[in-house]
């Protein structure tokens, strides 16, 4: 576990740095600017939150399952766009989303 302390500390420095950056983005940047997949920064952050939740689930189950244990590959089932639409992060409070992202890490 000692080898992870340094990595964990580095991740926390990055999270603190990005928390303030994310909170200072303008509404235009987080809600209107889109990437090549036609997703806003709000939708991307929401997708990261969903991924974190899925990965926590995987880690918990890996501790108690026989090997090899398989998980659904969410990306190949074409669920990404559907999950983004269902979660509707585009209409969530940005500050709450940033805090949820921060504390899920």
PDB file of N, CA and C in Angstrom:
ATOM      1  N   UNK A   1       0.806  -1.195   0.000  1.00  0.00           N
ATOM      2  CA  UNK A   1       0.000   0.000   0.000  1.00  0.00           C
ATOM      3  C   UNK A   1       0.851   1.263   0.000  1.00  0.00           C
ATOM      4  N   UNK A   2       2.050   1.166   0.496  1.00  0.00           N
ATOM      5  CA  UNK A   2       2.915   2.352   0.555  1.00  0.00           C
ATOM      6  C   UNK A   2       3.153   2.969  -0.817  1.00  0.00           C
ATOM      7  N   UNK A   3       3.277   2.129  -1.844  1.00  0.00           N
ATOM      8  CA  UNK A   3       3.563   2.659  -3.179  1.00  0.00           C
ATOM      9  C   UNK A   3       2.409   3.494  -3.724  1.00  0.00           C
ATOM     10  N   UNK A   4       1.217   3.284  -3.195  1.00  0.00           N
ATOM     11  CA  UNK A   4       0.063   4.038  -3.674  1.00  0.00           C
ATOM     12  C   UNK A   4      -0.097   5.395  -2.998  1.00  0.00           C
ATOM     13  N   UNK A   5       0.585   5.614  -1.882  1.00  0.00           N
ATOM     14  CA  UNK A   5       0.445   6.890  -1.176  1.00  0.00           C
ATOM     15  C   UNK A   5       0.895   8.060  -2.032  1.00  0.00           C
ATOM     16  N   UNK A   6       2.020   7.907  -2.708  1.00  0.00           N
ATOM     17  CA  UNK A   6       2.519   8.974  -3.573  1.00  0.00           C
ATOM     18  C   UNK A   6       1.591   9.240  -4.741  1.00  0.00           C
ATOM     19  N   UNK A   7       1.114   8.166  -5.343  1.00  0.00           N
ATOM     20  CA  UNK A   7       0.186   8.307  -6.474  1.00  0.00           C
ATOM     21  C   UNK A   7      -1.103   8.975  -6.006  1.00  0.00           C
ATOM     22  N   UNK A   8      -1.605   8.540  -4.868  1.00  0.00           N
ATOM     23  CA  UNK A   8      -2.837   9.111  -4.317  1.00  0.00           C
ATOM     24  C   UNK A   8      -2.671  10.604  -4.041  1.00  0.00           C
ATOM     25  N   UNK A   9      -1.533  10.977  -3.487  1.00  0.00           N
ATOM     26  CA  UNK A   9      -1.272  12.395  -3.201  1.00  0.00           C
ATOM     27  C   UNK A   9      -1.221  13.208  -4.491  1.00  0.00           C
ATOM     28  N   UNK A  10      -0.593  12.658  -5.524  1.00  0.00           N
ATOM     29  CA  UNK A  10      -0.528  13.354  -6.813  1.00  0.00           C
ATOM     30  C   UNK A  10      -1.917  13.529  -7.422  1.00  0.00           C
ATOM     31  N   UNK A  11      -2.740  12.499  -7.335  1.00  0.00           N
ATOM     32  CA  UNK A  11      -4.105  12.589  -7.857  1.00  0.00           C
ATOM     33  C   UNK A  11      -4.876  13.676  -7.113  1.00  0.00           C
ATOM     34  N   UNK A  12      -4.736  13.735  -5.798  1.00  0.00           N
ATOM     35  CA  UNK A  12      -5.460  14.738  -5.016  1.00  0.00           C
ATOM     36  C   UNK A  12      -5.014  16.157  -5.361  1.00  0.00           C
ATOM     37  N   UNK A  13      -3.731  16.347  -5.655  1.00  0.00           N
ATOM     38  CA  UNK A  13      -3.248  17.664  -6.092  1.00  0.00           C
ATOM     39  C   UNK A  13      -3.925  18.048  -7.402  1.00  0.00           C
ATOM     40  N   UNK A  14      -4.005  17.112  -8.334  1.00  0.00           N
ATOM     41  CA  UNK A  14      -4.665  17.385  -9.618  1.00  0.00           C
ATOM     42  C   UNK A  14      -6.153  17.676  -9.436  1.00  0.00           C
ATOM     43  N   UNK A  15      -6.798  16.931  -8.567  1.00  0.00           N
ATOM     44  CA  UNK A  15      -8.228  17.148  -8.319  1.00  0.00           C
ATOM     45  C   UNK A  15      -8.460  18.544  -7.749  1.00  0.00           C
ATOM     46  N   UNK A  16      -7.656  18.941  -6.775  1.00  0.00           N
ATOM     47  CA  UNK A  16      -7.798  20.280  -6.190  1.00  0.00           C
ATOM     48  C   UNK A  16      -7.573  21.359  -7.246  1.00  0.00           C
ATOM     49  N   UNK A  17      -6.569  21.158  -8.074  1.00  0.00           N
ATOM     50  CA  UNK A  17      -6.263  22.119  -9.134  1.00  0.00           C
ATOM     51  C   UNK A  17      -7.424  22.229 -10.118  1.00  0.00           C
ATOM     52  N   UNK A  18      -7.963  21.090 -10.533  1.00  0.00           N
ATOM     53  CA  UNK A  18      -9.035  21.086 -11.527  1.00  0.00           C
ATOM     54  C   UNK A  18     -10.380  21.492 -10.946  1.00  0.00           C
ATOM     55  N   UNK A  19     -10.585  21.271  -9.663  1.00  0.00           N
ATOM     56  CA  UNK A  19     -11.847  21.709  -9.055  1.00  0.00           C
ATOM     57  C   UNK A  19     -12.030  23.211  -9.252  1.00  0.00           C
ATOM     58  N   UNK A  20     -11.016  23.984  -8.913  1.00  0.00           N
ATOM     59  CA  UNK A  20     -11.151  25.439  -9.054  1.00  0.00           C
ATOM     60  C   UNK A  20     -11.257  25.852 -10.517  1.00  0.00           C
ATOM     61  N   UNK A  21     -10.530  25.187 -11.382  1.00  0.00           N
ATOM     62  CA  UNK A  21     -10.631  25.496 -12.817  1.00  0.00           C
ATOM     63  C   UNK A  21     -12.036  25.226 -13.337  1.00  0.00           C
ATOM     64  N   UNK A  22     -12.565  24.065 -13.002  1.00  0.00           N
ATOM     65  CA  UNK A  22     -13.902  23.699 -13.467  1.00  0.00           C
ATOM     66  C   UNK A  22     -14.958  24.673 -12.951  1.00  0.00           C
ATOM     67  N   UNK A  23     -14.842  25.050 -11.683  1.00  0.00           N
ATOM     68  CA  UNK A  23     -15.828  25.959 -11.098  1.00  0.00           C
ATOM     69  C   UNK A  23     -15.763  27.357 -11.700  1.00  0.00           C
ATOM     70  N   UNK A  24     -14.632  27.705 -12.290  1.00  0.00           N
ATOM     71  CA  UNK A  24     -14.483  29.035 -12.886  1.00  0.00           C
ATOM     72  C   UNK A  24     -14.853  29.099 -14.363  1.00  0.00           C
ATOM     73  N   UNK A  25     -15.187  27.971 -14.960  1.00  0.00           N
ATOM     74  CA  UNK A  25     -15.616  27.997 -16.364  1.00  0.00           C
ATOM     75  C   UNK A  25     -16.936  28.757 -16.485  1.00  0.00           C
ATOM     76  N   UNK A  26     -17.087  29.468 -17.573  1.00  0.00           N
ATOM     77  CA  UNK A  26     -18.333  30.196 -17.823  1.00  0.00           C
ATOM     78  C   UNK A  26     -19.436  29.226 -18.260  1.00  0.00           C
ATOM     79  N   UNK A  27     -20.667  29.674 -18.150  1.00  0.00           N
ATOM     80  CA  UNK A  27     -21.816  28.878 -18.589  1.00  0.00           C
ATOM     81  C   UNK A  27     -21.676  28.533 -20.067  1.00  0.00           C
ATOM     82  N   UNK A  28     -21.204  29.486 -20.852  1.00  0.00           N
ATOM     83  CA  UNK A  28     -21.039  29.240 -22.287  1.00  0.00           C
ATOM     84  C   UNK A  28     -20.077  28.088 -22.544  1.00  0.00           C
ATOM     85  N   UNK A  29     -19.009  28.046 -21.761  1.00  0.00           N
ATOM     86  CA  UNK A  29     -18.008  26.989 -21.953  1.00  0.00           C
ATOM     87  C   UNK A  29     -18.571  25.628 -21.550  1.00  0.00           C
ATOM     88  N   UNK A  30     -19.243  25.545 -20.414  1.00  0.00           N
ATOM     89  CA  UNK A  30     -19.688  24.227 -19.931  1.00  0.00           C
ATOM     90  C   UNK A  30     -20.968  23.729 -20.589  1.00  0.00           C
ATOM     91  N   UNK A  31     -21.792  24.639 -21.100  1.00  0.00           N
ATOM     92  CA  UNK A  31     -23.084  24.205 -21.646  1.00  0.00           C
ATOM     93  C   UNK A  31     -23.210  24.310 -23.159  1.00  0.00           C
ATOM     94  N   UNK A  32     -22.381  25.126 -23.781  1.00  0.00           N
ATOM     95  CA  UNK A  32     -22.554  25.346 -25.219  1.00  0.00           C
ATOM     96  C   UNK A  32     -21.438  24.765 -26.077  1.00  0.00           C
ATOM     97  N   UNK A  33     -20.219  24.812 -25.589  1.00  0.00           N
ATOM     98  CA  UNK A  33     -19.090  24.306 -26.374  1.00  0.00           C
ATOM     99  C   UNK A  33     -19.166  22.786 -26.435  1.00  0.00           C
ATOM    100  N   UNK A  34     -19.014  22.227 -27.626  1.00  0.00           N
ATOM    101  CA  UNK A  34     -19.147  20.773 -27.797  1.00  0.00           C
ATOM    102  C   UNK A  34     -17.904  20.168 -28.444  1.00  0.00           C
ATOM    103  N   UNK A  35     -17.667  18.893 -28.129  1.00  0.00           N
ATOM    104  CA  UNK A  35     -16.551  18.175 -28.740  1.00  0.00           C
ATOM    105  C   UNK A  35     -17.023  17.507 -30.035  1.00  0.00           C
ATOM    106  N   UNK A  36     -16.164  16.694 -30.631  1.00  0.00           N
ATOM    107  CA  UNK A  36     -16.518  16.081 -31.917  1.00  0.00           C
ATOM    108  C   UNK A  36     -17.644  15.053 -31.785  1.00  0.00           C
ATOM    109  N   UNK A  37     -17.921  14.602 -30.550  1.00  0.00           N
ATOM    110  CA  UNK A  37     -19.040  13.681 -30.314  1.00  0.00           C
ATOM    111  C   UNK A  37     -20.321  14.446 -29.967  1.00  0.00           C
ATOM    112  N   UNK A  38     -20.266  15.763 -30.115  1.00  0.00           N
ATOM    113  CA  UNK A  38     -21.414  16.637 -29.857  1.00  0.00           C
ATOM    114  C   UNK A  38     -21.815  16.649 -28.377  1.00  0.00           C
ATOM    115  N   UNK A  39     -20.827  16.517 -27.488  1.00  0.00           N
ATOM    116  CA  UNK A  39     -21.076  16.530 -26.046  1.00  0.00           C
ATOM    117  C   UNK A  39     -20.494  17.790 -25.425  1.00  0.00           C
ATOM    118  N   UNK A  40     -21.225  18.339 -24.464  1.00  0.00           N
ATOM    119  CA  UNK A  40     -20.742  19.516 -23.747  1.00  0.00           C
ATOM    120  C   UNK A  40     -19.826  19.079 -22.610  1.00  0.00           C
ATOM    121  N   UNK A  41     -19.144  20.053 -22.020  1.00  0.00           N
ATOM    122  CA  UNK A  41     -18.288  19.748 -20.877  1.00  0.00           C
ATOM    123  C   UNK A  41     -19.130  19.195 -19.728  1.00  0.00           C
ATOM    124  N   UNK A  42     -20.324  19.715 -19.550  1.00  0.00           N
ATOM    125  CA  UNK A  42     -21.217  19.187 -18.512  1.00  0.00           C
ATOM    126  C   UNK A  42     -21.518  17.709 -18.761  1.00  0.00           C
ATOM    127  N   UNK A  43     -21.805  17.360 -19.983  1.00  0.00           N
ATOM    128  CA  UNK A  43     -22.106  15.964 -20.310  1.00  0.00           C
ATOM    129  C   UNK A  43     -20.874  15.081 -20.140  1.00  0.00           C
ATOM    130  N   UNK A  44     -19.714  15.608 -20.479  1.00  0.00           N
ATOM    131  CA  UNK A  44     -18.475  14.836 -20.326  1.00  0.00           C
ATOM    132  C   UNK A  44     -18.192  14.586 -18.852  1.00  0.00           C
ATOM    133  N   UNK A  45     -18.321  15.621 -18.019  1.00  0.00           N
ATOM    134  CA  UNK A  45     -18.099  15.431 -16.587  1.00  0.00           C
ATOM    135  C   UNK A  45     -19.123  14.447 -16.020  1.00  0.00           C
ATOM    136  N   UNK A  46     -20.369  14.547 -16.448  1.00  0.00           N
ATOM    137  CA  UNK A  46     -21.388  13.595 -16.012  1.00  0.00           C
ATOM    138  C   UNK A  46     -21.037  12.174 -16.408  1.00  0.00           C
ATOM    139  N   UNK A  47     -20.506  12.019 -17.601  1.00  0.00           N
ATOM    140  CA  UNK A  47     -20.079  10.703 -18.075  1.00  0.00           C
ATOM    141  C   UNK A  47     -18.930  10.169 -17.210  1.00  0.00           C
ATOM    142  N   UNK A  48     -18.006  11.044 -16.805  1.00  0.00           N
ATOM    143  CA  UNK A  48     -16.920  10.627 -15.911  1.00  0.00           C
ATOM    144  C   UNK A  48     -17.473  10.184 -14.554  1.00  0.00           C
ATOM    145  N   UNK A  49     -18.484  10.883 -14.070  1.00  0.00           N
ATOM    146  CA  UNK A  49     -19.124  10.500 -12.808  1.00  0.00           C
ATOM    147  C   UNK A  49     -19.758   9.113 -12.943  1.00  0.00           C
ATOM    148  N   UNK A  50     -20.470   8.885 -14.035  1.00  0.00           N
ATOM    149  CA  UNK A  50     -21.065   7.563 -14.280  1.00  0.00           C
ATOM    150  C   UNK A  50     -19.991   6.478 -14.336  1.00  0.00           C
ATOM    151  N   UNK A  51     -18.900   6.765 -15.025  1.00  0.00           N
ATOM    152  CA  UNK A  51     -17.811   5.785 -15.154  1.00  0.00           C
ATOM    153  C   UNK A  51     -17.205   5.469 -13.798  1.00  0.00           C
ATOM    154  N   UNK A  52     -17.039   6.485 -12.974  1.00  0.00           N
ATOM    155  CA  UNK A  52     -16.498   6.268 -11.633  1.00  0.00           C
ATOM    156  C   UNK A  52     -17.414   5.350 -10.836  1.00  0.00           C
ATOM    157  N   UNK A  53     -18.692   5.599 -10.911  1.00  0.00           N
ATOM    158  CA  UNK A  53     -19.668   4.761 -10.208  1.00  0.00           C
ATOM    159  C   UNK A  53     -19.578   3.309 -10.681  1.00  0.00           C
ATOM    160  N   UNK A  54     -19.506   3.115 -11.981  1.00  0.00           N
ATOM    161  CA  UNK A  54     -19.383   1.757 -12.533  1.00  0.00           C
ATOM    162  C   UNK A  54     -18.094   1.088 -12.080  1.00  0.00           C
ATOM    163  N   UNK A  55     -16.999   1.840 -12.040  1.00  0.00           N
ATOM    164  CA  UNK A  55     -15.716   1.256 -11.648  1.00  0.00           C
ATOM    165  C   UNK A  55     -15.678   0.904 -10.166  1.00  0.00           C
ATOM    166  N   UNK A  56     -16.317   1.714  -9.323  1.00  0.00           N
ATOM    167  CA  UNK A  56     -16.403   1.370  -7.901  1.00  0.00           C
ATOM    168  C   UNK A  56     -17.139   0.039  -7.748  1.00  0.00           C
ATOM    169  N   UNK A  57     -18.221  -0.116  -8.471  1.00  0.00           N
ATOM    170  CA  UNK A  57     -18.992  -1.364  -8.466  1.00  0.00           C
ATOM    171  C   UNK A  57     -18.100  -2.535  -8.873  1.00  0.00           C
ATOM    172  N   UNK A  58     -17.322  -2.352  -9.905  1.00  0.00           N
ATOM    173  CA  UNK A  58     -16.440  -3.422 -10.389  1.00  0.00           C
ATOM    174  C   UNK A  58     -15.405  -3.805  -9.346  1.00  0.00           C
ATOM    175  N   UNK A  59     -14.791  -2.813  -8.718  1.00  0.00           N
ATOM    176  CA  UNK A  59     -13.743  -3.080  -7.726  1.00  0.00           C
ATOM    177  C   UNK A  59     -14.314  -3.850  -6.540  1.00  0.00           C
ATOM    178  N   UNK A  60     -15.476  -3.449  -6.065  1.00  0.00           N
ATOM    179  CA  UNK A  60     -16.108  -4.147  -4.946  1.00  0.00           C
ATOM    180  C   UNK A  60     -16.377  -5.601  -5.316  1.00  0.00           C
ATOM    181  N   UNK A  61     -16.939  -5.842  -6.484  1.00  0.00           N
ATOM    182  CA  UNK A  61     -17.264  -7.209  -6.895  1.00  0.00           C
ATOM    183  C   UNK A  61     -16.019  -8.050  -7.170  1.00  0.00           C
ATOM    184  N   UNK A  62     -14.970  -7.446  -7.658  1.00  0.00           N
ATOM    185  CA  UNK A  62     -13.743  -8.202  -7.922  1.00  0.00           C
ATOM    186  C   UNK A  62     -13.162  -8.806  -6.650  1.00  0.00           C
ATOM    187  N   UNK A  63     -13.387  -8.175  -5.528  1.00  0.00           N
ATOM    188  CA  UNK A  63     -12.851  -8.674  -4.267  1.00  0.00           C
ATOM    189  C   UNK A  63     -13.518  -9.972  -3.817  1.00  0.00           C
ATOM    190  N   UNK A  64     -14.720 -10.233  -4.312  1.00  0.00           N
ATOM    191  CA  UNK A  64     -15.495 -11.355  -3.801  1.00  0.00           C
ATOM    192  C   UNK A  64     -15.862 -12.398  -4.847  1.00  0.00           C
ATOM    193  N   UNK A  65     -15.410 -12.230  -6.055  1.00  0.00           N
ATOM    194  CA  UNK A  65     -15.767 -13.153  -7.130  1.00  0.00           C
ATOM    195  C   UNK A  65     -14.569 -14.012  -7.520  1.00  0.00           C
ATOM    196  N   UNK A  66     -14.885 -15.176  -8.031  1.00  0.00           N
ATOM    197  CA  UNK A  66     -13.822 -16.027  -8.564  1.00  0.00           C
ATOM    198  C   UNK A  66     -13.286 -15.425  -9.842  1.00  0.00           C
ATOM    199  N   UNK A  67     -12.062 -15.753 -10.110  1.00  0.00           N
ATOM    200  CA  UNK A  67     -11.440 -15.261 -11.340  1.00  0.00           C
ATOM    201  C   UNK A  67     -11.642 -16.297 -12.430  1.00  0.00           C
ATOM    202  N   UNK A  68     -11.821 -16.020 -13.652  1.00  0.00           N
ATOM    203  CA  UNK A  68     -11.947 -14.653 -14.174  1.00  0.00           C
ATOM    204  C   UNK A  68     -13.388 -14.173 -14.032  1.00  0.00           C
ATOM    205  N   UNK A  69     -13.514 -12.955 -13.646  1.00  0.00           N
ATOM    206  CA  UNK A  69     -14.826 -12.331 -13.490  1.00  0.00           C
ATOM    207  C   UNK A  69     -15.002 -11.328 -14.612  1.00  0.00           C
ATOM    208  N   UNK A  70     -16.111 -11.374 -15.277  1.00  0.00           N
ATOM    209  CA  UNK A  70     -16.286 -10.460 -16.405  1.00  0.00           C
ATOM    210  C   UNK A  70     -17.382  -9.442 -16.099  1.00  0.00           C
ATOM    211  N   UNK A  71     -17.202  -8.291 -16.671  1.00  0.00           N
ATOM    212  CA  UNK A  71     -18.158  -7.205 -16.526  1.00  0.00           C
ATOM    213  C   UNK A  71     -18.653  -6.800 -17.895  1.00  0.00           C
ATOM    214  N   UNK A  72     -19.842  -6.260 -17.960  1.00  0.00           N
ATOM    215  CA  UNK A  72     -20.311  -5.779 -19.264  1.00  0.00           C
ATOM    216  C   UNK A  72     -19.427  -4.649 -19.764  1.00  0.00           C
ATOM    217  N   UNK A  73     -19.181  -4.663 -21.039  1.00  0.00           N
ATOM    218  CA  UNK A  73     -18.422  -3.582 -21.658  1.00  0.00           C
ATOM    219  C   UNK A  73     -19.436  -2.541 -22.110  1.00  0.00           C
ATOM    220  N   UNK A  74     -19.643  -1.551 -21.277  1.00  0.00           N
ATOM    221  CA  UNK A  74     -20.694  -0.573 -21.523  1.00  0.00           C
ATOM    222  C   UNK A  74     -20.521   0.153 -22.848  1.00  0.00           C
ATOM    223  N   UNK A  75     -19.300   0.394 -23.244  1.00  0.00           N
ATOM    224  CA  UNK A  75     -19.052   1.149 -24.478  1.00  0.00           C
ATOM    225  C   UNK A  75     -19.505   0.384 -25.718  1.00  0.00           C
ATOM    226  N   UNK A  76     -19.286  -0.933 -25.755  1.00  0.00           N
ATOM    227  CA  UNK A  76     -19.624  -1.683 -26.965  1.00  0.00           C
ATOM    228  C   UNK A  76     -21.114  -1.974 -27.091  1.00  0.00           C
ATOM    229  N   UNK A  77     -21.852  -1.799 -26.014  1.00  0.00           N
ATOM    230  CA  UNK A  77     -23.297  -1.996 -26.084  1.00  0.00           C
ATOM    231  C   UNK A  77     -24.016  -0.750 -26.583  1.00  0.00           C
ATOM    232  N   UNK A  78     -23.275   0.300 -26.877  1.00  0.00           N
ATOM    233  CA  UNK A  78     -23.875   1.529 -27.375  1.00  0.00           C
ATOM    234  C   UNK A  78     -24.667   2.286 -26.327  1.00  0.00           C
ATOM    235  N   UNK A  79     -24.340   2.054 -25.066  1.00  0.00           N
ATOM    236  CA  UNK A  79     -25.097   2.672 -23.985  1.00  0.00           C
ATOM    237  C   UNK A  79     -24.620   4.064 -23.596  1.00  0.00           C
ATOM    238  N   UNK A  80     -23.446   4.469 -24.046  1.00  0.00           N
ATOM    239  CA  UNK A  80     -22.924   5.758 -23.608  1.00  0.00           C
ATOM    240  C   UNK A  80     -23.880   6.903 -23.907  1.00  0.00           C
ATOM    241  N   UNK A  81     -24.338   7.010 -25.129  1.00  0.00           N
ATOM    242  CA  UNK A  81     -25.242   8.102 -25.490  1.00  0.00           C
ATOM    243  C   UNK A  81     -26.564   8.005 -24.736  1.00  0.00           C
ATOM    244  N   UNK A  82     -27.035   6.796 -24.560  1.00  0.00           N
ATOM    245  CA  UNK A  82     -28.298   6.602 -23.839  1.00  0.00           C
ATOM    246  C   UNK A  82     -28.160   7.020 -22.375  1.00  0.00           C
ATOM    247  N   UNK A  83     -27.045   6.615 -21.729  1.00  0.00           N
ATOM    248  CA  UNK A  83     -26.831   6.997 -20.335  1.00  0.00           C
ATOM    249  C   UNK A  83     -26.696   8.499 -20.186  1.00  0.00           C
ATOM    250  N   UNK A  84     -25.998   9.126 -21.114  1.00  0.00           N
ATOM    251  CA  UNK A  84     -25.845  10.579 -21.056  1.00  0.00           C
ATOM    252  C   UNK A  84     -27.215  11.246 -21.146  1.00  0.00           C
ATOM    253  N   UNK A  85     -28.067  10.737 -22.028  1.00  0.00           N
ATOM    254  CA  UNK A  85     -29.414  11.307 -22.175  1.00  0.00           C
ATOM    255  C   UNK A  85     -30.266  11.051 -20.927  1.00  0.00           C
ATOM    256  N   UNK A  86     -30.216   9.839 -20.392  1.00  0.00           N
ATOM    257  CA  UNK A  86     -31.026   9.483 -19.223  1.00  0.00           C
ATOM    258  C   UNK A  86     -30.615  10.299 -18.003  1.00  0.00           C
ATOM    259  N   UNK A  87     -29.320  10.411 -17.771  1.00  0.00           N
ATOM    260  CA  UNK A  87     -28.837  11.135 -16.590  1.00  0.00           C
ATOM    261  C   UNK A  87     -29.108  12.633 -16.687  1.00  0.00           C
ATOM    262  N   UNK A  88     -29.205  13.148 -17.907  1.00  0.00           N
ATOM    263  CA  UNK A  88     -29.546  14.554 -18.151  1.00  0.00           C
ATOM    264  C   UNK A  88     -28.653  15.523 -17.373  1.00  0.00           C
ATOM    265  N   UNK A  89     -27.374  15.223 -17.362  1.00  0.00           N
ATOM    266  CA  UNK A  89     -26.433  16.097 -16.663  1.00  0.00           C
ATOM    267  C   UNK A  89     -26.435  17.520 -17.218  1.00  0.00           C
ATOM    268  N   UNK A  90     -26.845  17.689 -18.447  1.00  0.00           N
ATOM    269  CA  UNK A  90     -26.874  19.013 -19.059  1.00  0.00           C
ATOM    270  C   UNK A  90     -27.729  19.985 -18.235  1.00  0.00           C
ATOM    271  N   UNK A  91     -28.698  19.465 -17.507  1.00  0.00           N
ATOM    272  CA  UNK A  91     -29.600  20.314 -16.728  1.00  0.00           C
ATOM    273  C   UNK A  91     -29.335  20.278 -15.224  1.00  0.00           C
ATOM    274  N   UNK A  92     -28.215  19.693 -14.829  1.00  0.00           N
ATOM    275  CA  UNK A  92     -27.856  19.642 -13.408  1.00  0.00           C
ATOM    276  C   UNK A  92     -27.061  20.880 -13.002  1.00  0.00           C
ATOM    277  N   UNK A  93     -27.013  21.123 -11.704  1.00  0.00           N
ATOM    278  CA  UNK A  93     -26.231  22.232 -11.167  1.00  0.00           C
ATOM    279  C   UNK A  93     -24.737  21.928 -11.307  1.00  0.00           C
ATOM    280  N   UNK A  94     -24.009  22.827 -11.957  1.00  0.00           N
ATOM    281  CA  UNK A  94     -22.590  22.619 -12.243  1.00  0.00           C
ATOM    282  C   UNK A  94     -21.766  22.460 -10.967  1.00  0.00           C
ATOM    283  N   UNK A  95     -21.996  23.296  -9.970  1.00  0.00           N
ATOM    284  CA  UNK A  95     -21.236  23.200  -8.720  1.00  0.00           C
ATOM    285  C   UNK A  95     -21.427  21.858  -8.043  1.00  0.00           C
ATOM    286  N   UNK A  96     -22.659  21.363  -8.022  1.00  0.00           N
ATOM    287  CA  UNK A  96     -22.928  20.042  -7.442  1.00  0.00           C
ATOM    288  C   UNK A  96     -22.221  18.941  -8.219  1.00  0.00           C
ATOM    289  N   UNK A  97     -22.206  19.065  -9.534  1.00  0.00           N
ATOM    290  CA  UNK A  97     -21.534  18.053 -10.359  1.00  0.00           C
ATOM    291  C   UNK A  97     -20.041  18.016 -10.078  1.00  0.00           C
ATOM    292  N   UNK A  98     -19.425  19.192  -9.981  1.00  0.00           N
ATOM    293  CA  UNK A  98     -17.981  19.251  -9.716  1.00  0.00           C
ATOM    294  C   UNK A  98     -17.680  18.627  -8.356  1.00  0.00           C
ATOM    295  N   UNK A  99     -18.503  18.920  -7.354  1.00  0.00           N
ATOM    296  CA  UNK A  99     -18.282  18.343  -6.030  1.00  0.00           C
ATOM    297  C   UNK A  99     -18.474  16.824  -6.040  1.00  0.00           C
ATOM    298  N   UNK A 100     -19.484  16.346  -6.745  1.00  0.00           N
ATOM    299  CA  UNK A 100     -19.697  14.903  -6.855  1.00  0.00           C
ATOM    300  C   UNK A 100     -18.500  14.242  -7.520  1.00  0.00           C
ATOM    301  N   UNK A 101     -18.004  14.824  -8.609  1.00  0.00           N
ATOM    302  CA  UNK A 101     -16.817  14.300  -9.295  1.00  0.00           C
ATOM    303  C   UNK A 101     -15.633  14.257  -8.337  1.00  0.00           C
ATOM    304  N   UNK A 102     -15.430  15.347  -7.605  1.00  0.00           N
ATOM    305  CA  UNK A 102     -14.291  15.441  -6.686  1.00  0.00           C
ATOM    306  C   UNK A 102     -14.342  14.346  -5.618  1.00  0.00           C
ATOM    307  N   UNK A 103     -15.491  14.165  -5.006  1.00  0.00           N
ATOM    308  CA  UNK A 103     -15.570  13.239  -3.881  1.00  0.00           C
ATOM    309  C   UNK A 103     -15.747  11.786  -4.294  1.00  0.00           C
ATOM    310  N   UNK A 104     -16.057  11.545  -5.546  1.00  0.00           N
ATOM    311  CA  UNK A 104     -16.108  10.155  -6.015  1.00  0.00           C
ATOM    312  C   UNK A 104     -14.711   9.618  -6.305  1.00  0.00           C
ATOM    313  N   UNK A 105     -13.761  10.525  -6.489  1.00  0.00           N
ATOM    314  CA  UNK A 105     -12.399  10.069  -6.740  1.00  0.00           C
ATOM    315  C   UNK A 105     -11.791   9.675  -5.438  1.00  0.00           C
TER     316      UNK A 105
END
